[in-house]
C-alpha atoms as a PDB file:
ATOM      1  CA  MET A   1     214.452   5.781  38.260  1.00  0.00           C
ATOM      2  CA  SER A   2     213.092   3.472  40.974  1.00  0.00           C
ATOM      3  CA  LYS A   3     211.455   4.661  44.156  1.00  0.00           C
ATOM      4  CA  THR A   4     212.777   3.114  47.336  1.00  0.00           C
ATOM      5  CA  LYS A   5     210.175   2.179  49.906  1.00  0.00           C
ATOM      6  CA  LYS A   6     210.694   3.897  53.268  1.00  0.00           C
ATOM      7  CA  LYS A   7     210.755   1.529  56.234  1.00  0.00           C
ATOM      8  CA  ILE A   8     207.809   2.171  58.544  1.00  0.00           C
ATOM      9  CA  GLN A   9     209.077   2.697  62.077  1.00  0.00           C
ATOM     10  CA  LYS A  10     207.366   2.919  65.438  1.00  0.00           C
ATOM     11  CA  GLY A  11     205.475   6.206  65.551  1.00  0.00           C
ATOM     12  CA  ASP A  12     204.834   6.354  61.798  1.00  0.00           C
ATOM     13  CA  TYR A  13     201.351   6.131  60.342  1.00  0.00           C
ATOM     14  CA  GLY A  14     200.767   2.559  59.130  1.00  0.00           C
ATOM     15  CA  TYR A  15     202.938   0.980  61.848  1.00  0.00           C
ATOM     16  CA  ILE A  16     200.184  -1.330  63.139  1.00  0.00           C
ATOM     17  CA  LYS A  17     199.421  -2.832  59.698  1.00  0.00           C
ATOM     18  CA  SER A  18     203.117  -3.142  58.936  1.00  0.00           C
ATOM     19  CA  GLN A  19     203.791  -4.959  62.216  1.00  0.00           C
ATOM     20  CA  GLN A  20     200.824  -7.272  61.714  1.00  0.00           C
ATOM     21  CA  LYS A  21     202.299  -8.464  58.407  1.00  0.00           C
ATOM     22  CA  LYS A  22     205.879  -8.599  59.684  1.00  0.00           C
ATOM     23  CA  ARG A  23     205.065 -10.490  62.882  1.00  0.00           C
ATOM     24  CA  THR A  24     202.862 -12.979  61.013  1.00  0.00           C
ATOM     25  CA  LEU A  25     205.750 -13.777  58.683  1.00  0.00           C
ATOM     26  CA  TYR A  26     208.220 -14.128  61.586  1.00  0.00           C
ATOM     27  CA  THR A  27     205.810 -16.428  63.436  1.00  0.00           C
ATOM     28  CA  ILE A  28     205.342 -18.701  60.419  1.00  0.00           C
ATOM     29  CA  LEU A  29     209.100 -18.866  59.822  1.00  0.00           C
ATOM     30  CA  ALA A  30     209.784 -19.567  63.503  1.00  0.00           C
ATOM     31  CA  PHE A  31     207.344 -22.509  63.538  1.00  0.00           C
ATOM     32  CA  ILE A  32     208.775 -24.171  60.403  1.00  0.00           C
ATOM     33  CA  ALA A  33     211.943 -25.646  61.984  1.00  0.00           C
ATOM     34  CA  PRO A  34     210.358 -27.145  65.154  1.00  0.00           C
ATOM     35  CA  LEU A  35     207.435 -28.581  63.186  1.00  0.00           C
ATOM     36  CA  LEU A  36     209.804 -30.040  60.615  1.00  0.00           C
ATOM     37  CA  VAL A  37     211.854 -31.710  63.384  1.00  0.00           C
ATOM     38  CA  PHE A  38     208.701 -32.998  65.107  1.00  0.00           C
ATOM     39  CA  PHE A  39     207.161 -34.476  61.961  1.00  0.00           C
ATOM     40  CA  THR A  40     210.497 -35.987  60.917  1.00  0.00           C
ATOM     41  CA  GLY A  41     210.706 -37.765  64.279  1.00  0.00           C
ATOM     42  CA  LEU A  42     207.069 -38.827  63.998  1.00  0.00           C
ATOM     43  CA  TYR A  43     207.676 -40.235  60.503  1.00  0.00           C
ATOM     44  CA  ILE A  44     210.863 -42.094  61.451  1.00  0.00           C
ATOM     45  CA  HIS A  45     209.743 -43.551  64.808  1.00  0.00           C
ATOM     46  CA  ARG A  46     205.952 -43.705  64.280  1.00  0.00           C
ATOM     47  CA  THR A  47     205.422 -42.242  67.749  1.00  0.00           C
ATOM     48  CA  ARG A  48     205.655 -38.818  69.266  1.00  0.00           C
ATOM     49  CA  ASN A  49     207.364 -40.110  72.430  1.00  0.00           C
ATOM     50  CA  THR A  50     210.891 -39.486  71.151  1.00  0.00           C
ATOM     51  CA  VAL A  51     213.716 -37.043  71.638  1.00  0.00           C
ATOM     52  CA  PHE A  52     212.508 -35.301  68.466  1.00  0.00           C
ATOM     53  CA  THR A  53     209.493 -34.038  70.391  1.00  0.00           C
ATOM     54  CA  VAL A  54     211.754 -32.465  73.004  1.00  0.00           C
ATOM     55  CA  VAL A  55     214.018 -30.933  70.347  1.00  0.00           C
ATOM     56  CA  ALA A  56     211.004 -29.438  68.615  1.00  0.00           C
ATOM     57  CA  ALA A  57     210.249 -27.189  71.601  1.00  0.00           C
ATOM     58  CA  CYS A  58     208.472 -24.197  70.146  1.00  0.00           C
ATOM     59  CA  LEU A  59     209.305 -21.538  72.755  1.00  0.00           C
ATOM     60  CA  PRO A  60     210.899 -19.025  70.360  1.00  0.00           C
ATOM     61  CA  ALA A  61     208.064 -19.483  67.882  1.00  0.00           C
ATOM     62  CA  CYS A  62     205.513 -19.021  70.653  1.00  0.00           C
ATOM     63  CA  LYS A  63     207.183 -15.752  71.622  1.00  0.00           C
ATOM     64  CA  PHE A  64     206.720 -14.533  68.053  1.00  0.00           C
ATOM     65  CA  ALA A  65     203.112 -15.753  68.114  1.00  0.00           C
ATOM     66  CA  VAL A  66     202.368 -13.711  71.241  1.00  0.00           C
ATOM     67  CA  GLY A  67     203.775 -10.579  69.578  1.00  0.00           C
ATOM     68  CA  MET A  68     201.684 -11.261  66.490  1.00  0.00           C
ATOM     69  CA  ILE A  69     198.509 -11.713  68.542  1.00  0.00           C
ATOM     70  CA  MET A  70     199.190  -8.477  70.439  1.00  0.00           C
ATOM     71  CA  MET A  71     199.410  -6.577  67.146  1.00  0.00           C
ATOM     72  CA  TYR A  72     196.248  -8.164  65.726  1.00  0.00           C
ATOM     73  CA  MET A  73     194.384  -6.999  68.825  1.00  0.00           C
ATOM     74  CA  GLN A  74     195.066  -3.384  67.746  1.00  0.00           C
ATOM     75  CA  LYS A  75     193.144  -1.596  65.023  1.00  0.00           C
ATOM     76  CA  PRO A  76     195.060   0.980  62.989  1.00  0.00           C
ATOM     77  CA  MET A  77     193.988   4.607  63.146  1.00  0.00           C
ATOM     78  CA  LYS A  78     191.657   5.969  60.485  1.00  0.00           C
ATOM     79  CA  GLN A  79     193.207   7.517  57.372  1.00  0.00           C
ATOM     80  CA  GLU A  80     190.876  10.558  57.685  1.00  0.00           C
ATOM     81  CA  ASP A  81     192.060  11.213  61.260  1.00  0.00           C
ATOM     82  CA  TYR A  82     195.696  10.971  60.141  1.00  0.00           C
ATOM     83  CA  GLU A  83     195.142  13.440  57.290  1.00  0.00           C
ATOM     84  CA  GLN A  84     193.330  15.868  59.594  1.00  0.00           C
ATOM     85  CA  ILE A  85     196.153  15.758  62.170  1.00  0.00           C
ATOM     86  CA  GLU A  86     198.804  16.205  59.462  1.00  0.00           C
ATOM     87  CA  LYS A  87     197.128  19.484  58.434  1.00  0.00           C
ATOM     88  CA  HIS A  88     197.486  20.847  61.966  1.00  0.00           C
ATOM     89  CA  LYS A  89     200.777  19.449  63.286  1.00  0.00           C
ATOM     90  CA  LYS A  90     202.967  21.836  61.265  1.00  0.00           C
ATOM     91  CA  GLY A  91     206.512  21.482  62.691  1.00  0.00           C
ATOM     92  CA  LEU A  92     205.634  19.754  65.960  1.00  0.00           C
ATOM     93  CA  THR A  93     207.232  16.441  66.903  1.00  0.00           C
ATOM     94  CA  CYS A  94     204.411  13.960  66.386  1.00  0.00           C
ATOM     95  CA  SER A  95     203.931  10.172  66.431  1.00  0.00           C
ATOM     96  CA  TYR A  96     201.049   7.929  65.404  1.00  0.00           C
ATOM     97  CA  GLU A  97     199.503   4.569  66.334  1.00  0.00           C
ATOM     98  CA  LEU A  98     201.155   4.056  69.709  1.00  0.00           C
ATOM     99  CA  VAL A  99     200.028   1.356  72.113  1.00  0.00           C
ATOM    100  CA  ILE A 100     201.206   2.708  75.464  1.00  0.00           C
ATOM    101  CA  SER A 101     201.949  -0.253  77.701  1.00  0.00           C
ATOM    102  CA  ALA A 102     202.151  -0.525  81.475  1.00  0.00           C
ATOM    103  CA  TYR A 103     201.928  -3.415  83.926  1.00  0.00           C
ATOM    104  CA  GLU A 104     198.253  -2.707  84.541  1.00  0.00           C
ATOM    105  CA  LYS A 105     196.990  -2.268  80.966  1.00  0.00           C
ATOM    106  CA  GLN A 106     197.640  -1.160  77.407  1.00  0.00           C
ATOM    107  CA  SER A 107     196.109   1.934  75.855  1.00  0.00           C
ATOM    108  CA  PHE A 108     195.941   2.848  72.166  1.00  0.00           C
ATOM    109  CA  VAL A 109     196.740   6.470  71.327  1.00  0.00           C
ATOM    110  CA  ASP A 110     196.178   7.520  67.706  1.00  0.00           C
ATOM    111  CA  SER A 111     198.586  10.464  67.883  1.00  0.00           C
ATOM    112  CA  ILE A 112     200.914  12.185  70.362  1.00  0.00           C
ATOM    113  CA  ALA A 113     202.638  15.547  69.934  1.00  0.00           C
ATOM    114  CA  VAL A 114     205.426  17.104  72.025  1.00  0.00           C
ATOM    115  CA  CYS A 115     206.455  20.731  72.477  1.00  0.00           C
ATOM    116  CA  GLY A 116     208.624  21.759  75.411  1.00  0.00           C
ATOM    117  CA  ASN A 117     207.205  20.326  78.647  1.00  0.00           C
ATOM    118  CA  THR A 118     203.808  19.730  77.056  1.00  0.00           C
ATOM    119  CA  VAL A 119     202.655  16.393  75.652  1.00  0.00           C
ATOM    120  CA  VAL A 120     199.214  16.090  74.069  1.00  0.00           C
ATOM    121  CA  GLY A 121     197.578  13.057  72.541  1.00  0.00           C
ATOM    122  CA  TYR A 122     194.422  11.920  70.824  1.00  0.00           C
ATOM    123  CA  THR A 123     192.649   8.594  71.094  1.00  0.00           C
ATOM    124  CA  SER A 124     189.607   7.580  69.098  1.00  0.00           C
ATOM    125  CA  ARG A 125     188.980   4.590  71.373  1.00  0.00           C
ATOM    126  CA  THR A 126     186.211   5.182  73.899  1.00  0.00           C
ATOM    127  CA  LYS A 127     187.564   2.453  76.184  1.00  0.00           C
ATOM    128  CA  THR A 128     190.957   4.125  76.600  1.00  0.00           C
ATOM    129  CA  ASP A 129     191.470   5.293  80.183  1.00  0.00           C
ATOM    130  CA  THR A 130     192.865   8.746  79.385  1.00  0.00           C
ATOM    131  CA  ALA A 131     193.580   9.604  83.036  1.00  0.00           C
ATOM    132  CA  PHE A 132     195.675   6.432  83.364  1.00  0.00           C
ATOM    133  CA  VAL A 133     197.677   7.197  80.193  1.00  0.00           C
ATOM    134  CA  GLU A 134     198.258  10.806  81.299  1.00  0.00           C
ATOM    135  CA  LYS A 135     199.483   9.726  84.740  1.00  0.00           C
ATOM    136  CA  HIS A 136     201.655   6.934  83.291  1.00  0.00           C
ATOM    137  CA  ILE A 137     203.490   9.316  80.931  1.00  0.00           C
ATOM    138  CA  GLN A 138     203.749  12.037  83.610  1.00  0.00           C
ATOM    139  CA  ASP A 139     205.291   9.593  86.082  1.00  0.00           C
ATOM    140  CA  ILE A 140     207.976   8.660  83.559  1.00  0.00           C
ATOM    141  CA  LEU A 141     208.753  12.045  81.974  1.00  0.00           C
ATOM    142  CA  TYR A 142     207.667  14.690  84.522  1.00  0.00           C
ATOM    143  CA  VAL A 143     205.877  16.741  81.844  1.00  0.00           C
ATOM    144  CA  SER A 144     202.353  18.075  81.441  1.00  0.00           C
ATOM    145  CA  VAL A 145     200.184  15.518  79.586  1.00  0.00           C
ATOM    146  CA  LYS A 146     196.667  15.809  78.167  1.00  0.00           C
ATOM    147  CA  ILE A 147     194.954  13.082  76.122  1.00  0.00           C
ATOM    148  CA  PHE A 148     191.926  14.182  74.089  1.00  0.00           C
ATOM    149  CA  THR A 149     189.052  11.958  72.991  1.00  0.00           C
ATOM    150  CA  ARG A 150     187.732  14.415  70.400  1.00  0.00           C
ATOM    151  CA  LEU A 151     189.783  15.040  67.268  1.00  0.00           C
ATOM    152  CA  ASN A 152     188.665  18.662  66.950  1.00  0.00           C
ATOM    153  CA  ASP A 153     189.919  19.457  70.476  1.00  0.00           C
ATOM    154  CA  TYR A 154     193.251  17.799  69.695  1.00  0.00           C
ATOM    155  CA  THR A 155     193.810  19.648  66.404  1.00  0.00           C
ATOM    156  CA  THR A 156     192.875  22.954  68.081  1.00  0.00           C
ATOM    157  CA  ARG A 157     195.482  22.222  70.779  1.00  0.00           C
ATOM    158  CA  LEU A 158     198.075  21.400  68.103  1.00  0.00           C
ATOM    159  CA  ASP A 159     197.433  24.775  66.459  1.00  0.00           C
ATOM    160  CA  SER A 160     197.781  26.498  69.834  1.00  0.00           C
ATOM    161  CA  MET A 161     201.038  24.657  70.636  1.00  0.00           C
ATOM    162  CA  TRP A 162     202.531  25.618  67.280  1.00  0.00           C
ATOM    163  CA  GLU A 163     201.484  29.246  67.736  1.00  0.00           C
ATOM    164  CA  HIS A 164     202.991  29.407  71.250  1.00  0.00           C
ATOM    165  CA  ARG A 165     205.952  27.075  70.744  1.00  0.00           C
ATOM    166  CA  GLU A 166     208.537  29.730  71.722  1.00  0.00           C
ATOM    167  CA  SER A 167     206.910  30.268  75.126  1.00  0.00           C
ATOM    168  CA  LEU A 168     206.436  26.498  75.636  1.00  0.00           C
ATOM    169  CA  GLU A 169     210.142  25.869  74.987  1.00  0.00           C
ATOM    170  CA  LYS A 170     211.396  28.979  76.793  1.00  0.00           C
ATOM    171  CA  ASP A 171     213.836  28.478  79.689  1.00  0.00           C
ATOM    172  CA  ILE A 172     214.258  24.756  79.011  1.00  0.00           C
ATOM    173  CA  LYS A 173     217.876  23.732  79.277  1.00  0.00           C
ATOM    174  CA  PHE A 174     218.924  21.024  76.872  1.00  0.00           C
ATOM    175  CA  ARG A 175     222.340  19.840  75.829  1.00  0.00           C
ATOM    176  CA  PRO A 176     222.313  17.670  72.680  1.00  0.00           C
ATOM    177  CA  ASP A 177     223.895  14.254  72.844  1.00  0.00           C
ATOM    178  CA  PRO A 178     227.261  14.401  70.993  1.00  0.00           C
ATOM    179  CA  SER A 179     226.528  11.041  69.336  1.00  0.00           C
ATOM    180  CA  GLU A 180     223.172  12.352  68.008  1.00  0.00           C
ATOM    181  CA  PRO A 181     223.521  16.135  67.654  1.00  0.00           C
ATOM    182  CA  GLU A 182     220.460  16.413  65.366  1.00  0.00           C
ATOM    183  CA  LEU A 183     218.113  14.892  67.995  1.00  0.00           C
ATOM    184  CA  THR A 184     216.110  17.627  69.733  1.00  0.00           C
ATOM    185  CA  ARG A 185     214.713  17.553  73.259  1.00  0.00           C
ATOM    186  CA  ASN A 186     211.223  17.015  71.830  1.00  0.00           C
ATOM    187  CA  GLY A 187     212.598  14.114  69.818  1.00  0.00           C
ATOM    188  CA  LYS A 188     214.140  12.586  72.952  1.00  0.00           C
ATOM    189  CA  ILE A 189     210.829  12.843  74.812  1.00  0.00           C
ATOM    190  CA  MET A 190     209.069  11.192  71.864  1.00  0.00           C
ATOM    191  CA  ARG A 191     211.673   8.431  71.813  1.00  0.00           C
ATOM    192  CA  VAL A 192     210.894   7.628  75.469  1.00  0.00           C
ATOM    193  CA  ILE A 193     207.148   7.532  74.720  1.00  0.00           C
ATOM    194  CA  GLN A 194     207.829   5.183  71.805  1.00  0.00           C
ATOM    195  CA  ALA A 195     210.000   3.014  74.073  1.00  0.00           C
ATOM    196  CA  ILE A 196     207.049   2.423  76.429  1.00  0.00           C
ATOM    197  CA  SER A 197     204.830   1.489  73.472  1.00  0.00           C
ATOM    198  CA  LEU A 198     204.417  -1.861  71.683  1.00  0.00           C
END
C-alpha cells in the first residue's frame, strides 16, 4: 500500500520551504525557452542584434524570478514552535507561515488562529511591526486582532480561546455558502487572511 503525499497549501506548516522549491523550478523552466531562442539566434547570426533577441524577452520568467526571490527572503518557522502550537490549538482554525502583505510592507507571522470575532497570531521575528499587522487585518475584517511576540503568551491565549469558544462565537450570525456548506465562518476569515498573504 503506497502513501500519497499531501499537497502543502498556503497556511500549512512547511509552506515556505515548499514554495521555495516550487518557485525555483518554475523560474528555471520559464527561462529555458527564451534563453534557447536567444542563443539559437546568436549562433545562427553571430550577433545579438537580431529579432531573436526581441523574441527572447524574458518578462514571464522574470515574474517567476521575483516570486522566487520573495520566498527566499522568508525563513520558515521553527519545528519546535510548530509542535508547541499544535499541542495547544486543539480544534481552533489555525494557519502557519503566513507573510501578510500590504502596500507599505510585508510581515511574517508564524501562526494565526481564529475563533469568532477574535484573531490571534504569533511572530518570532523581532522586526515584525505587530501594531501594523493588527491594524491591517482589523481594517480588512473588522475583528479583534492581537499578535504576540512570545510563544508562551500565544499558546496561553490559544488555550483560553478554546476554553471560551462558545462565548466567543455566541450571537454571531453566519449563513454557510451553498457551494461550500462545510466551510465555517472561522474558515472564511482564515481564507481572507491567507488571501492577503504571499
